[in-house]
Amino acid sequence: MCGQNLSIGVVGGASPTSDFQNQTLGGDFPFIDYSTPKRYVIGAMLEYRLTSQISMEADGLFHPPR
């Protein structure tokens, strides 16, 4: 079988739990209540297939400091 040995991609995400904070707009009578992520992660992925069952992967990730 023949195929590509090198894969390149983009990865990203955010935590749905403790990384979210509630925001309320409207002062005494709030009319918008929503959650926003405090932090996110984004980066690049590189994978090289050595055999049909073994591959190596390297990720470079960035997340903003708190």
Protein backbone atom coordinates (compact mmCIF):
# COMPACT_ATOMS: atom_id res chain seq x y z
CA MET A 1 0.00 0.00 0.00
CA CYS A 2 1.07 3.51 -0.73
CA GLY A 3 0.11 6.70 1.08
CA GLN A 4 1.28 9.97 2.50
CA ASN A 5 3.94 9.71 5.21
CA LEU A 6 3.79 13.34 6.37
CA SER A 7 0.74 15.13 7.80
CA ILE A 8 0.49 18.80 8.80
CA GLY A 9 -2.45 20.31 10.65
CA VAL A 10 -3.85 22.90 13.02
CA VAL A 11 -5.05 22.14 16.56
CA GLY A 12 -7.00 24.29 18.97
CA GLY A 13 -9.47 24.33 21.80
CA ALA A 14 -10.74 25.78 25.05
CA SER A 15 -11.71 24.26 28.38
CA PRO A 16 -15.48 24.03 29.00
CA THR A 17 -15.11 23.96 32.79
CA SER A 18 -13.02 26.20 35.05
CA ASP A 19 -11.71 28.39 32.21
CA PHE A 20 -15.15 29.97 31.72
CA GLN A 21 -16.43 33.00 33.61
CA ASN A 22 -19.95 34.43 33.59
CA GLN A 23 -20.53 37.87 32.07
CA THR A 24 -23.67 39.96 32.62
CA LEU A 25 -24.62 43.11 30.70
CA GLY A 26 -27.30 45.59 31.67
CA GLY A 27 -26.54 46.99 35.15
CA ASP A 28 -29.52 46.75 37.56
CA PHE A 29 -31.66 44.92 34.99
CA PRO A 30 -29.39 42.41 33.22
CA PHE A 31 -30.52 41.52 29.73
CA ILE A 32 -27.58 39.44 28.50
CA ASP A 33 -25.96 36.65 30.53
CA TYR A 34 -23.33 34.46 28.86
CA SER A 35 -20.06 32.63 29.46
CA THR A 36 -16.77 33.50 27.82
CA PRO A 37 -13.54 31.49 27.72
CA LYS A 38 -10.70 32.96 29.73
CA ARG A 39 -8.05 31.08 27.79
CA TYR A 40 -7.68 29.19 24.55
CA VAL A 41 -5.03 27.01 22.95
CA ILE A 42 -3.99 27.04 19.29
CA GLY A 43 -1.07 25.53 17.45
CA ALA A 44 0.39 23.40 14.68
CA MET A 45 0.73 19.63 14.37
CA LEU A 46 3.24 17.58 12.40
CA GLU A 47 2.96 13.79 12.08
CA TYR A 48 5.30 11.39 10.28
CA ARG A 49 4.27 7.80 9.62
CA LEU A 50 7.20 5.43 10.07
CA THR A 51 5.34 2.19 9.32
CA SER A 52 1.68 1.27 8.89
CA GLN A 53 1.37 0.89 12.69
CA ILE A 54 3.91 3.41 14.09
CA SER A 55 4.04 7.17 13.69
CA MET A 56 5.64 10.16 15.45
CA GLU A 57 3.82 13.41 16.19
CA ALA A 58 5.04 16.84 17.29
CA ASP A 59 2.77 19.68 18.41
CA GLY A 60 3.61 23.34 18.95
CA LEU A 61 0.93 24.96 21.14
CA PHE A 62 0.34 28.56 22.25
CA HIS A 63 -1.91 29.80 25.03
CA PRO A 64 -2.02 33.38 26.35
CA PRO A 65 -0.55 33.94 29.82
CA ARG A 66 -2.90 34.75 32.67
